[in-house]
Amino acid sequence: MLRDENARAIWILLFLLLFLTPGLTGQVGTEPREPSLAPPGSVRGLPEPPVFLTIDCENSAVDLVLADPQNRRLGNDPFHHQAYDEIPGAYIAGAGKDDETGVREEDPAEVMNLRNPESGRYRLTLIGARDGTYSCLISASLENGVRREISLRNRPLRRDEIEQVQFSFDPKSSSFLVPLDAAVTRP
């Protein structure tokens, strides 16, 4: 089991290295770039810092599916026995171990991360895995460090119930993360 965990950790590190390191393309023989003091966003400047959209559900009795403005999905839909990984620049993290003790958690946190998400309307579907409550924090941080949050705290959800939470995201707007509506569907 330790070997499987080590292999998984290596794959995660490789993925993060390739995913989060700009300019790492694996191409050989490309011309080196000259250093530039041009402002960010200019043709010869450094790339703009990333914008992040994060959905963090802790101690939650739910499965999550996020749909972006183009209806591409990320998450796990147990009703349809389907896992989705369709959103570019998005991934799910959740080790399932307590950060301090290293002991496997009974109900690990699930965190969805989107790097440079597109503007528009998003739909988060929360599917009750068992009777209980869930808490999720939807947050966005811009390249200038400004952060906004939508907090869903201690919300009841029974097994097989579905709640959909919709929100809009537009990094060019002063109110760049806005809750729109929520609805619960009973089985």
N, C-alpha and C. Protein backbone atom coordinates (compact mmCIF):
# COMPACT_ATOMS: atom_id res chain seq x y z
N MET A 1 0.83 -1.20 0.00
CA MET A 1 0.00 0.00 0.00
C MET A 1 0.87 1.25 0.00
N LEU A 2 1.99 1.20 0.72
CA LEU A 2 2.89 2.34 0.77
C LEU A 2 3.45 2.63 -0.62
N ARG A 3 3.74 1.58 -1.38
CA ARG A 3 4.25 1.74 -2.74
C ARG A 3 3.23 2.46 -3.62
N ASP A 4 1.93 2.10 -3.51
CA ASP A 4 0.87 2.76 -4.27
C ASP A 4 0.76 4.22 -3.91
N GLU A 5 0.87 4.53 -2.61
CA GLU A 5 0.78 5.93 -2.18
C GLU A 5 1.97 6.73 -2.69
N ASN A 6 3.17 6.12 -2.67
CA ASN A 6 4.35 6.80 -3.19
C ASN A 6 4.22 7.05 -4.69
N ALA A 7 3.75 6.06 -5.42
CA ALA A 7 3.56 6.23 -6.86
C ALA A 7 2.55 7.33 -7.15
N ARG A 8 1.47 7.35 -6.39
CA ARG A 8 0.46 8.39 -6.58
C ARG A 8 1.04 9.77 -6.29
N ALA A 9 1.83 9.87 -5.22
CA ALA A 9 2.44 11.15 -4.86
C ALA A 9 3.38 11.62 -5.96
N ILE A 10 4.12 10.71 -6.57
CA ILE A 10 5.04 11.07 -7.65
C ILE A 10 4.26 11.57 -8.85
N TRP A 11 3.17 10.89 -9.21
CA TRP A 11 2.35 11.33 -10.34
C TRP A 11 1.74 12.70 -10.07
N ILE A 12 1.28 12.93 -8.86
CA ILE A 12 0.70 14.23 -8.52
C ILE A 12 1.76 15.32 -8.64
N LEU A 13 2.96 15.05 -8.13
CA LEU A 13 4.03 16.04 -8.22
C LEU A 13 4.40 16.33 -9.67
N LEU A 14 4.50 15.28 -10.49
CA LEU A 14 4.79 15.49 -11.90
C LEU A 14 3.71 16.31 -12.58
N PHE A 15 2.45 15.99 -12.29
CA PHE A 15 1.33 16.73 -12.86
C PHE A 15 1.41 18.20 -12.46
N LEU A 16 1.62 18.46 -11.16
CA LEU A 16 1.68 19.84 -10.69
C LEU A 16 2.87 20.57 -11.32
N LEU A 17 4.00 19.90 -11.45
CA LEU A 17 5.16 20.52 -12.06
C LEU A 17 4.87 20.92 -13.50
N LEU A 18 4.28 20.01 -14.25
CA LEU A 18 3.96 20.31 -15.65
C LEU A 18 2.84 21.32 -15.78
N PHE A 19 1.84 21.22 -14.90
CA PHE A 19 0.65 22.06 -14.99
C PHE A 19 0.93 23.48 -14.52
N LEU A 20 1.71 23.62 -13.47
CA LEU A 20 1.90 24.95 -12.86
C LEU A 20 3.17 25.66 -13.30
N THR A 21 3.99 25.02 -14.13
CA THR A 21 5.22 25.65 -14.58
C THR A 21 5.01 26.21 -15.98
N PRO A 22 4.84 27.54 -16.10
CA PRO A 22 4.62 28.12 -17.43
C PRO A 22 5.85 27.95 -18.31
N GLY A 23 5.60 27.70 -19.59
CA GLY A 23 6.69 27.59 -20.55
C GLY A 23 7.35 26.24 -20.60
N LEU A 24 6.94 25.29 -19.78
CA LEU A 24 7.52 23.96 -19.80
C LEU A 24 6.77 23.13 -20.83
N THR A 25 7.33 23.05 -22.02
CA THR A 25 6.61 22.39 -23.11
C THR A 25 7.22 21.07 -23.50
N GLY A 26 8.44 20.80 -23.07
CA GLY A 26 9.08 19.56 -23.46
C GLY A 26 9.69 19.63 -24.84
N GLN A 27 9.66 20.80 -25.51
CA GLN A 27 10.22 20.92 -26.85
C GLN A 27 11.72 21.14 -26.75
N VAL A 28 12.45 20.51 -27.65
CA VAL A 28 13.90 20.65 -27.68
C VAL A 28 14.26 21.50 -28.89
N GLY A 29 15.29 22.36 -28.72
CA GLY A 29 15.77 23.12 -29.85
C GLY A 29 15.04 24.44 -30.07
N THR A 30 14.20 24.87 -29.15
CA THR A 30 13.54 26.16 -29.32
C THR A 30 14.50 27.26 -28.92
N GLU A 31 14.34 28.43 -29.51
CA GLU A 31 15.22 29.54 -29.20
C GLU A 31 14.94 30.06 -27.81
N PRO A 32 15.99 30.38 -27.04
CA PRO A 32 15.77 30.95 -25.71
C PRO A 32 15.19 32.35 -25.82
N ARG A 33 14.38 32.71 -24.85
CA ARG A 33 13.79 34.06 -24.83
C ARG A 33 14.74 35.02 -24.15
N GLU A 34 14.76 36.23 -24.66
CA GLU A 34 15.57 37.26 -24.02
C GLU A 34 14.79 37.83 -22.85
N PRO A 35 15.51 38.15 -21.75
CA PRO A 35 14.80 38.76 -20.62
C PRO A 35 14.25 40.12 -21.01
N SER A 36 13.12 40.49 -20.42
CA SER A 36 12.47 41.75 -20.77
C SER A 36 11.99 42.44 -19.51
N LEU A 37 12.04 43.74 -19.51
CA LEU A 37 11.51 44.52 -18.41
C LEU A 37 10.17 45.15 -18.78
N ALA A 38 9.56 44.67 -19.84
CA ALA A 38 8.26 45.19 -20.28
C ALA A 38 7.20 44.85 -19.24
N PRO A 39 6.14 45.68 -19.14
CA PRO A 39 5.09 45.42 -18.16
C PRO A 39 4.34 44.13 -18.48
N PRO A 40 3.79 43.46 -17.44
CA PRO A 40 3.03 42.24 -17.67
C PRO A 40 1.89 42.47 -18.66
N GLY A 41 1.66 41.46 -19.50
CA GLY A 41 0.59 41.56 -20.47
C GLY A 41 1.04 42.10 -21.81
N SER A 42 2.25 42.70 -21.86
CA SER A 42 2.74 43.18 -23.14
C SER A 42 3.30 41.99 -23.91
N VAL A 43 3.60 42.22 -25.16
CA VAL A 43 4.05 41.12 -26.02
C VAL A 43 5.31 40.48 -25.47
N ARG A 44 6.25 41.27 -24.98
CA ARG A 44 7.52 40.71 -24.51
C ARG A 44 7.56 40.58 -23.00
N GLY A 45 6.46 40.87 -22.30
CA GLY A 45 6.44 40.82 -20.85
C GLY A 45 6.19 39.41 -20.32
N LEU A 46 6.22 39.32 -19.03
CA LEU A 46 5.91 38.06 -18.37
C LEU A 46 4.43 37.75 -18.52
N PRO A 47 4.05 36.49 -18.46
CA PRO A 47 2.63 36.17 -18.55
C PRO A 47 1.87 36.71 -17.33
N GLU A 48 0.61 37.02 -17.55
CA GLU A 48 -0.22 37.48 -16.44
C GLU A 48 -0.30 36.41 -15.36
N PRO A 49 -0.32 36.80 -14.08
CA PRO A 49 -0.49 35.81 -13.03
C PRO A 49 -1.85 35.11 -13.17
N PRO A 50 -1.94 33.88 -12.73
CA PRO A 50 -3.20 33.15 -12.91
C PRO A 50 -4.31 33.66 -12.00
N VAL A 51 -5.52 33.42 -12.46
CA VAL A 51 -6.73 33.67 -11.69
C VAL A 51 -7.20 32.28 -11.24
N PHE A 52 -7.66 32.16 -10.01
CA PHE A 52 -8.10 30.87 -9.50
C PHE A 52 -9.54 30.92 -9.05
N LEU A 53 -10.25 29.84 -9.32
CA LEU A 53 -11.59 29.60 -8.79
C LEU A 53 -11.49 28.29 -8.03
N THR A 54 -11.86 28.30 -6.75
CA THR A 54 -11.71 27.12 -5.89
C THR A 54 -13.02 26.81 -5.20
N ILE A 55 -13.36 25.53 -5.15
CA ILE A 55 -14.54 25.06 -4.41
C ILE A 55 -14.03 24.06 -3.41
N ASP A 56 -14.16 24.39 -2.13
CA ASP A 56 -13.62 23.58 -1.04
C ASP A 56 -14.77 23.10 -0.17
N CYS A 57 -15.05 21.80 -0.23
CA CYS A 57 -16.11 21.21 0.58
C CYS A 57 -15.48 20.33 1.65
N GLU A 58 -15.66 20.71 2.90
CA GLU A 58 -15.02 19.99 3.99
C GLU A 58 -16.06 19.27 4.84
N ASN A 59 -15.67 18.12 5.36
CA ASN A 59 -16.55 17.30 6.20
C ASN A 59 -17.93 17.19 5.58
N SER A 60 -17.95 16.89 4.33
CA SER A 60 -19.20 16.93 3.58
C SER A 60 -19.65 15.55 3.17
N ALA A 61 -20.93 15.33 3.24
CA ALA A 61 -21.53 14.07 2.82
C ALA A 61 -22.10 14.23 1.42
N VAL A 62 -21.28 14.77 0.51
CA VAL A 62 -21.77 15.06 -0.84
C VAL A 62 -20.75 14.64 -1.89
N ASP A 63 -21.27 14.39 -3.09
CA ASP A 63 -20.46 14.27 -4.30
C ASP A 63 -20.69 15.55 -5.08
N LEU A 64 -19.68 16.01 -5.80
CA LEU A 64 -19.75 17.30 -6.49
C LEU A 64 -19.59 17.13 -7.99
N VAL A 65 -20.36 17.92 -8.74
CA VAL A 65 -20.16 18.06 -10.18
C VAL A 65 -20.27 19.54 -10.49
N LEU A 66 -19.22 20.10 -11.09
CA LEU A 66 -19.22 21.50 -11.48
C LEU A 66 -19.34 21.57 -13.00
N ALA A 67 -20.24 22.43 -13.49
CA ALA A 67 -20.38 22.68 -14.93
C ALA A 67 -19.97 24.12 -15.21
N ASP A 68 -19.11 24.31 -16.20
CA ASP A 68 -18.66 25.65 -16.55
C ASP A 68 -19.63 26.28 -17.56
N PRO A 69 -19.38 27.51 -18.02
CA PRO A 69 -20.31 28.17 -18.95
C PRO A 69 -20.54 27.41 -20.26
N GLN A 70 -19.62 26.53 -20.64
CA GLN A 70 -19.81 25.72 -21.85
C GLN A 70 -20.37 24.33 -21.53
N ASN A 71 -20.81 24.14 -20.28
CA ASN A 71 -21.37 22.89 -19.79
C ASN A 71 -20.36 21.74 -19.78
N ARG A 72 -19.07 22.07 -19.71
CA ARG A 72 -18.05 21.05 -19.49
C ARG A 72 -18.04 20.78 -17.99
N ARG A 73 -17.79 19.54 -17.59
CA ARG A 73 -17.96 19.16 -16.19
C ARG A 73 -16.67 18.66 -15.54
N LEU A 74 -16.68 18.78 -14.21
CA LEU A 74 -15.61 18.26 -13.37
C LEU A 74 -16.27 17.67 -12.14
N GLY A 75 -15.93 16.44 -11.77
CA GLY A 75 -16.47 15.86 -10.56
C GLY A 75 -16.95 14.44 -10.73
N ASN A 76 -17.73 13.99 -9.75
CA ASN A 76 -18.20 12.61 -9.70
C ASN A 76 -19.72 12.58 -9.59
N ASP A 77 -20.38 11.90 -10.53
CA ASP A 77 -21.84 11.75 -10.54
C ASP A 77 -22.18 10.28 -10.27
N PRO A 78 -22.50 9.94 -9.00
CA PRO A 78 -22.75 8.53 -8.68
C PRO A 78 -24.04 7.99 -9.32
N PHE A 79 -25.02 8.85 -9.59
CA PHE A 79 -26.26 8.38 -10.21
C PHE A 79 -26.01 7.80 -11.60
N HIS A 80 -25.11 8.43 -12.33
CA HIS A 80 -24.81 8.00 -13.69
C HIS A 80 -23.50 7.22 -13.78
N HIS A 81 -22.92 6.91 -12.61
CA HIS A 81 -21.65 6.16 -12.55
C HIS A 81 -20.62 6.79 -13.48
N GLN A 82 -20.46 8.11 -13.34
CA GLN A 82 -19.60 8.84 -14.26
C GLN A 82 -18.72 9.82 -13.49
N ALA A 83 -17.44 9.83 -13.84
CA ALA A 83 -16.51 10.83 -13.33
C ALA A 83 -16.17 11.75 -14.50
N TYR A 84 -16.15 13.05 -14.26
CA TYR A 84 -15.92 14.04 -15.30
C TYR A 84 -14.61 14.78 -15.07
N ASP A 85 -13.90 15.03 -16.15
CA ASP A 85 -12.67 15.83 -16.13
C ASP A 85 -12.59 16.57 -17.46
N GLU A 86 -13.59 17.40 -17.73
CA GLU A 86 -13.74 18.04 -19.05
C GLU A 86 -13.30 19.50 -19.09
N ILE A 87 -13.10 20.12 -17.93
CA ILE A 87 -12.79 21.55 -17.89
C ILE A 87 -11.28 21.75 -17.97
N PRO A 88 -10.79 22.45 -19.00
CA PRO A 88 -9.35 22.69 -19.11
C PRO A 88 -8.84 23.49 -17.91
N GLY A 89 -7.68 23.11 -17.42
CA GLY A 89 -7.07 23.84 -16.30
C GLY A 89 -7.72 23.55 -14.96
N ALA A 90 -8.53 22.50 -14.87
CA ALA A 90 -9.24 22.18 -13.62
C ALA A 90 -8.80 20.82 -13.11
N TYR A 91 -8.79 20.69 -11.78
CA TYR A 91 -8.47 19.41 -11.18
C TYR A 91 -9.10 19.34 -9.79
N ILE A 92 -9.21 18.11 -9.27
CA ILE A 92 -9.75 17.87 -7.94
C ILE A 92 -8.62 17.39 -7.05
N ALA A 93 -8.52 18.00 -5.88
CA ALA A 93 -7.53 17.59 -4.89
C ALA A 93 -8.28 17.12 -3.65
N GLY A 94 -7.73 16.18 -2.97
CA GLY A 94 -8.31 15.68 -1.73
C GLY A 94 -7.59 14.43 -1.33
N ALA A 95 -6.61 14.57 -0.48
CA ALA A 95 -5.77 13.44 -0.14
C ALA A 95 -6.49 12.45 0.76
N GLY A 96 -7.44 12.95 1.57
CA GLY A 96 -8.14 12.05 2.47
C GLY A 96 -7.37 11.74 3.73
N LYS A 97 -6.30 12.52 4.01
CA LYS A 97 -5.53 12.32 5.23
C LYS A 97 -5.50 13.62 6.02
N ASP A 98 -5.55 13.49 7.32
CA ASP A 98 -5.46 14.64 8.21
C ASP A 98 -4.09 15.28 8.04
N ASP A 99 -4.05 16.61 7.86
CA ASP A 99 -2.79 17.30 7.64
C ASP A 99 -1.82 17.17 8.81
N GLU A 100 -2.33 17.14 10.01
CA GLU A 100 -1.47 17.11 11.19
C GLU A 100 -1.04 15.70 11.57
N THR A 101 -1.97 14.75 11.55
CA THR A 101 -1.65 13.41 12.04
C THR A 101 -1.29 12.43 10.94
N GLY A 102 -1.72 12.69 9.72
CA GLY A 102 -1.47 11.76 8.62
C GLY A 102 -2.43 10.59 8.60
N VAL A 103 -3.38 10.56 9.54
CA VAL A 103 -4.36 9.48 9.63
C VAL A 103 -5.43 9.68 8.56
N ARG A 104 -5.83 8.59 7.93
CA ARG A 104 -6.86 8.65 6.88
C ARG A 104 -8.16 9.17 7.48
N GLU A 105 -8.76 10.19 6.83
CA GLU A 105 -10.01 10.77 7.30
C GLU A 105 -11.20 9.94 6.84
N GLU A 106 -12.23 9.89 7.67
CA GLU A 106 -13.45 9.17 7.32
C GLU A 106 -14.18 9.89 6.19
N ASP A 107 -14.19 11.21 6.23
CA ASP A 107 -14.92 12.02 5.26
C ASP A 107 -14.00 13.12 4.75
N PRO A 108 -13.08 12.80 3.82
CA PRO A 108 -12.07 13.78 3.42
C PRO A 108 -12.66 14.97 2.67
N ALA A 109 -11.96 16.08 2.78
CA ALA A 109 -12.34 17.29 2.05
C ALA A 109 -12.12 17.06 0.56
N GLU A 110 -12.98 17.66 -0.24
CA GLU A 110 -12.82 17.61 -1.69
C GLU A 110 -12.67 19.04 -2.16
N VAL A 111 -11.60 19.30 -2.91
CA VAL A 111 -11.32 20.66 -3.37
C VAL A 111 -11.21 20.65 -4.89
N MET A 112 -12.03 21.48 -5.53
CA MET A 112 -11.95 21.67 -6.97
C MET A 112 -11.18 22.95 -7.24
N ASN A 113 -10.22 22.89 -8.15
CA ASN A 113 -9.41 24.05 -8.50
C ASN A 113 -9.49 24.30 -9.99
N LEU A 114 -9.76 25.55 -10.36
CA LEU A 114 -9.78 25.93 -11.77
C LEU A 114 -8.78 27.06 -11.94
N ARG A 115 -7.83 26.87 -12.84
CA ARG A 115 -6.83 27.89 -13.11
C ARG A 115 -7.26 28.66 -14.35
N ASN A 116 -7.34 29.97 -14.23
CA ASN A 116 -7.76 30.87 -15.32
C ASN A 116 -9.10 30.43 -15.91
N PRO A 117 -10.14 30.33 -15.06
CA PRO A 117 -11.46 29.92 -15.57
C PRO A 117 -12.07 30.99 -16.46
N GLU A 118 -12.93 30.55 -17.35
CA GLU A 118 -13.57 31.52 -18.24
C GLU A 118 -14.73 32.22 -17.52
N SER A 119 -15.06 33.39 -18.00
CA SER A 119 -16.16 34.17 -17.44
C SER A 119 -17.49 33.52 -17.81
N GLY A 120 -18.48 33.67 -16.92
CA GLY A 120 -19.82 33.19 -17.22
C GLY A 120 -20.48 32.55 -16.03
N ARG A 121 -21.56 31.83 -16.32
CA ARG A 121 -22.40 31.21 -15.30
C ARG A 121 -21.93 29.78 -15.05
N TYR A 122 -21.71 29.45 -13.77
CA TYR A 122 -21.30 28.11 -13.34
C TYR A 122 -22.42 27.46 -12.55
N ARG A 123 -22.49 26.13 -12.61
CA ARG A 123 -23.49 25.38 -11.84
C ARG A 123 -22.77 24.29 -11.05
N LEU A 124 -22.91 24.36 -9.72
CA LEU A 124 -22.35 23.35 -8.84
C LEU A 124 -23.48 22.44 -8.38
N THR A 125 -23.37 21.15 -8.71
CA THR A 125 -24.37 20.17 -8.29
C THR A 125 -23.80 19.40 -7.11
N LEU A 126 -24.54 19.40 -6.01
CA LEU A 126 -24.14 18.68 -4.81
C LEU A 126 -25.11 17.52 -4.64
N ILE A 127 -24.59 16.31 -4.58
CA ILE A 127 -25.41 15.10 -4.52
C ILE A 127 -25.19 14.46 -3.15
N GLY A 128 -26.27 14.28 -2.39
CA GLY A 128 -26.17 13.69 -1.06
C GLY A 128 -25.70 12.25 -1.11
N ALA A 129 -24.53 11.99 -0.51
CA ALA A 129 -23.99 10.64 -0.45
C ALA A 129 -24.57 9.89 0.76
N ARG A 130 -24.98 10.65 1.74
CA ARG A 130 -25.65 10.10 2.94
C ARG A 130 -26.35 11.26 3.64
N ASP A 131 -27.21 10.96 4.59
CA ASP A 131 -27.88 12.02 5.35
C ASP A 131 -26.84 12.79 6.16
N GLY A 132 -26.96 14.11 6.15
CA GLY A 132 -26.02 14.92 6.91
C GLY A 132 -26.06 16.36 6.46
N THR A 133 -24.99 17.06 6.77
CA THR A 133 -24.86 18.45 6.36
C THR A 133 -23.57 18.59 5.56
N TYR A 134 -23.53 19.64 4.78
CA TYR A 134 -22.30 19.93 4.05
C TYR A 134 -21.97 21.39 4.23
N SER A 135 -20.69 21.69 4.06
CA SER A 135 -20.19 23.06 4.06
C SER A 135 -19.23 23.19 2.90
N CYS A 136 -19.46 24.19 2.07
CA CYS A 136 -18.58 24.45 0.94
C CYS A 136 -18.26 25.94 0.89
N LEU A 137 -17.08 26.22 0.43
CA LEU A 137 -16.64 27.60 0.23
C LEU A 137 -16.23 27.73 -1.23
N ILE A 138 -16.93 28.59 -1.96
CA ILE A 138 -16.59 28.88 -3.34
C ILE A 138 -15.81 30.19 -3.30
N SER A 139 -14.59 30.18 -3.78
CA SER A 139 -13.78 31.40 -3.71
C SER A 139 -13.07 31.64 -5.03
N ALA A 140 -12.82 32.91 -5.29
CA ALA A 140 -12.08 33.31 -6.48
C ALA A 140 -11.03 34.32 -6.05
N SER A 141 -9.84 34.18 -6.61
CA SER A 141 -8.78 35.15 -6.35
C SER A 141 -8.22 35.62 -7.68
N LEU A 142 -8.06 36.93 -7.77
CA LEU A 142 -7.59 37.55 -9.00
C LEU A 142 -6.08 37.77 -8.94
N GLU A 143 -5.50 38.12 -10.08
CA GLU A 143 -4.06 38.32 -10.15
C GLU A 143 -3.58 39.44 -9.24
N ASN A 144 -4.46 40.40 -8.90
CA ASN A 144 -4.06 41.51 -8.03
C ASN A 144 -4.22 41.16 -6.54
N GLY A 145 -4.59 39.91 -6.24
CA GLY A 145 -4.72 39.46 -4.85
C GLY A 145 -6.10 39.63 -4.25
N VAL A 146 -7.02 40.29 -4.95
CA VAL A 146 -8.38 40.46 -4.44
C VAL A 146 -9.08 39.12 -4.45
N ARG A 147 -9.84 38.85 -3.39
CA ARG A 147 -10.51 37.56 -3.23
C ARG A 147 -11.97 37.77 -2.85
N ARG A 148 -12.85 36.95 -3.39
CA ARG A 148 -14.28 36.96 -3.05
C ARG A 148 -14.69 35.53 -2.71
N GLU A 149 -15.73 35.40 -1.85
CA GLU A 149 -16.18 34.08 -1.42
C GLU A 149 -17.69 33.99 -1.39
N ILE A 150 -18.17 32.78 -1.64
CA ILE A 150 -19.57 32.41 -1.40
C ILE A 150 -19.51 31.26 -0.40
N SER A 151 -20.14 31.44 0.74
CA SER A 151 -20.07 30.44 1.80
C SER A 151 -21.39 29.67 1.91
N LEU A 152 -21.31 28.36 1.86
CA LEU A 152 -22.45 27.47 2.06
C LEU A 152 -22.12 26.67 3.32
N ARG A 153 -22.67 27.04 4.46
CA ARG A 153 -22.28 26.44 5.73
C ARG A 153 -23.40 25.62 6.35
N ASN A 154 -23.05 24.42 6.78
CA ASN A 154 -23.95 23.53 7.54
C ASN A 154 -25.33 23.40 6.90
N ARG A 155 -25.34 23.12 5.63
CA ARG A 155 -26.61 22.97 4.90
C ARG A 155 -27.01 21.51 4.91
N PRO A 156 -28.27 21.23 5.29
CA PRO A 156 -28.71 19.83 5.33
C PRO A 156 -28.94 19.28 3.92
N LEU A 157 -28.59 18.01 3.76
CA LEU A 157 -28.84 17.32 2.49
C LEU A 157 -28.94 15.83 2.81
N ARG A 158 -30.05 15.23 2.39
CA ARG A 158 -30.24 13.79 2.62
C ARG A 158 -29.65 12.97 1.49
N ARG A 159 -29.49 11.70 1.77
CA ARG A 159 -28.96 10.77 0.77
C ARG A 159 -29.81 10.86 -0.51
N ASP A 160 -29.15 10.96 -1.65
CA ASP A 160 -29.74 11.02 -2.98
C ASP A 160 -30.46 12.33 -3.29
N GLU A 161 -30.48 13.28 -2.38
CA GLU A 161 -31.00 14.62 -2.71
C GLU A 161 -29.95 15.34 -3.54
N ILE A 162 -30.42 16.25 -4.36
CA ILE A 162 -29.52 17.03 -5.21
C ILE A 162 -29.79 18.51 -4.98
N GLU A 163 -28.74 19.25 -4.72
CA GLU A 163 -28.84 20.70 -4.64
C GLU A 163 -27.97 21.29 -5.74
N GLN A 164 -28.52 22.27 -6.44
CA GLN A 164 -27.74 22.97 -7.45
C GLN A 164 -27.57 24.42 -7.03
N VAL A 165 -26.34 24.87 -7.05
CA VAL A 165 -25.99 26.23 -6.70
C VAL A 165 -25.38 26.86 -7.95
N GLN A 166 -25.94 27.99 -8.36
CA GLN A 166 -25.42 28.67 -9.55
C GLN A 166 -24.78 29.99 -9.14
N PHE A 167 -23.70 30.31 -9.82
CA PHE A 167 -23.00 31.56 -9.55
C PHE A 167 -22.36 32.05 -10.84
N SER A 168 -22.08 33.34 -10.88
CA SER A 168 -21.39 33.89 -12.05
C SER A 168 -19.99 34.30 -11.64
N PHE A 169 -19.10 34.21 -12.61
CA PHE A 169 -17.71 34.60 -12.40
C PHE A 169 -17.28 35.45 -13.58
N ASP A 170 -16.77 36.66 -13.28
CA ASP A 170 -16.26 37.55 -14.32
C ASP A 170 -15.11 38.36 -13.72
N PRO A 171 -13.87 37.96 -14.01
CA PRO A 171 -12.72 38.64 -13.39
C PRO A 171 -12.58 40.10 -13.78
N LYS A 172 -13.27 40.54 -14.83
CA LYS A 172 -13.18 41.95 -15.24
C LYS A 172 -14.20 42.84 -14.54
N SER A 173 -15.09 42.23 -13.75
CA SER A 173 -16.12 42.98 -13.02
C SER A 173 -15.67 43.21 -11.58
N SER A 174 -16.11 44.33 -10.99
CA SER A 174 -15.75 44.59 -9.58
C SER A 174 -16.41 43.58 -8.65
N SER A 175 -17.59 43.09 -9.00
CA SER A 175 -18.22 42.02 -8.23
C SER A 175 -18.06 40.73 -9.05
N PHE A 176 -16.85 40.19 -9.04
CA PHE A 176 -16.48 39.13 -9.97
C PHE A 176 -16.98 37.74 -9.61
N LEU A 177 -17.49 37.54 -8.38
CA LEU A 177 -18.05 36.25 -7.97
C LEU A 177 -19.40 36.53 -7.31
N VAL A 178 -20.49 36.11 -7.97
CA VAL A 178 -21.84 36.47 -7.51
C VAL A 178 -22.72 35.22 -7.43
N PRO A 179 -23.33 34.95 -6.24
CA PRO A 179 -24.28 33.83 -6.17
C PRO A 179 -25.54 34.18 -6.95
N LEU A 180 -26.12 33.19 -7.64
CA LEU A 180 -27.32 33.45 -8.43
C LEU A 180 -28.54 32.80 -7.81
N ASP A 181 -28.53 31.48 -7.64
CA ASP A 181 -29.67 30.81 -7.01
C ASP A 181 -29.28 29.40 -6.60
N ALA A 182 -30.15 28.79 -5.80
CA ALA A 182 -29.94 27.41 -5.34
C ALA A 182 -31.29 26.73 -5.26
N ALA A 183 -31.30 25.43 -5.55
CA ALA A 183 -32.54 24.65 -5.48
C ALA A 183 -32.21 23.22 -5.08
N VAL A 184 -33.05 22.63 -4.22
CA VAL A 184 -32.89 21.25 -3.78
C VAL A 184 -33.94 20.39 -4.44
N THR A 185 -33.51 19.24 -4.98
CA THR A 185 -34.42 18.28 -5.59
C THR A 185 -34.49 17.06 -4.68
N ARG A 186 -35.69 16.71 -4.24
CA ARG A 186 -35.88 15.55 -3.36
C ARG A 186 -36.10 14.30 -4.22
N PRO A 187 -35.56 13.15 -3.80
CA PRO A 187 -35.76 11.91 -4.60
C PRO A 187 -37.20 11.44 -4.53
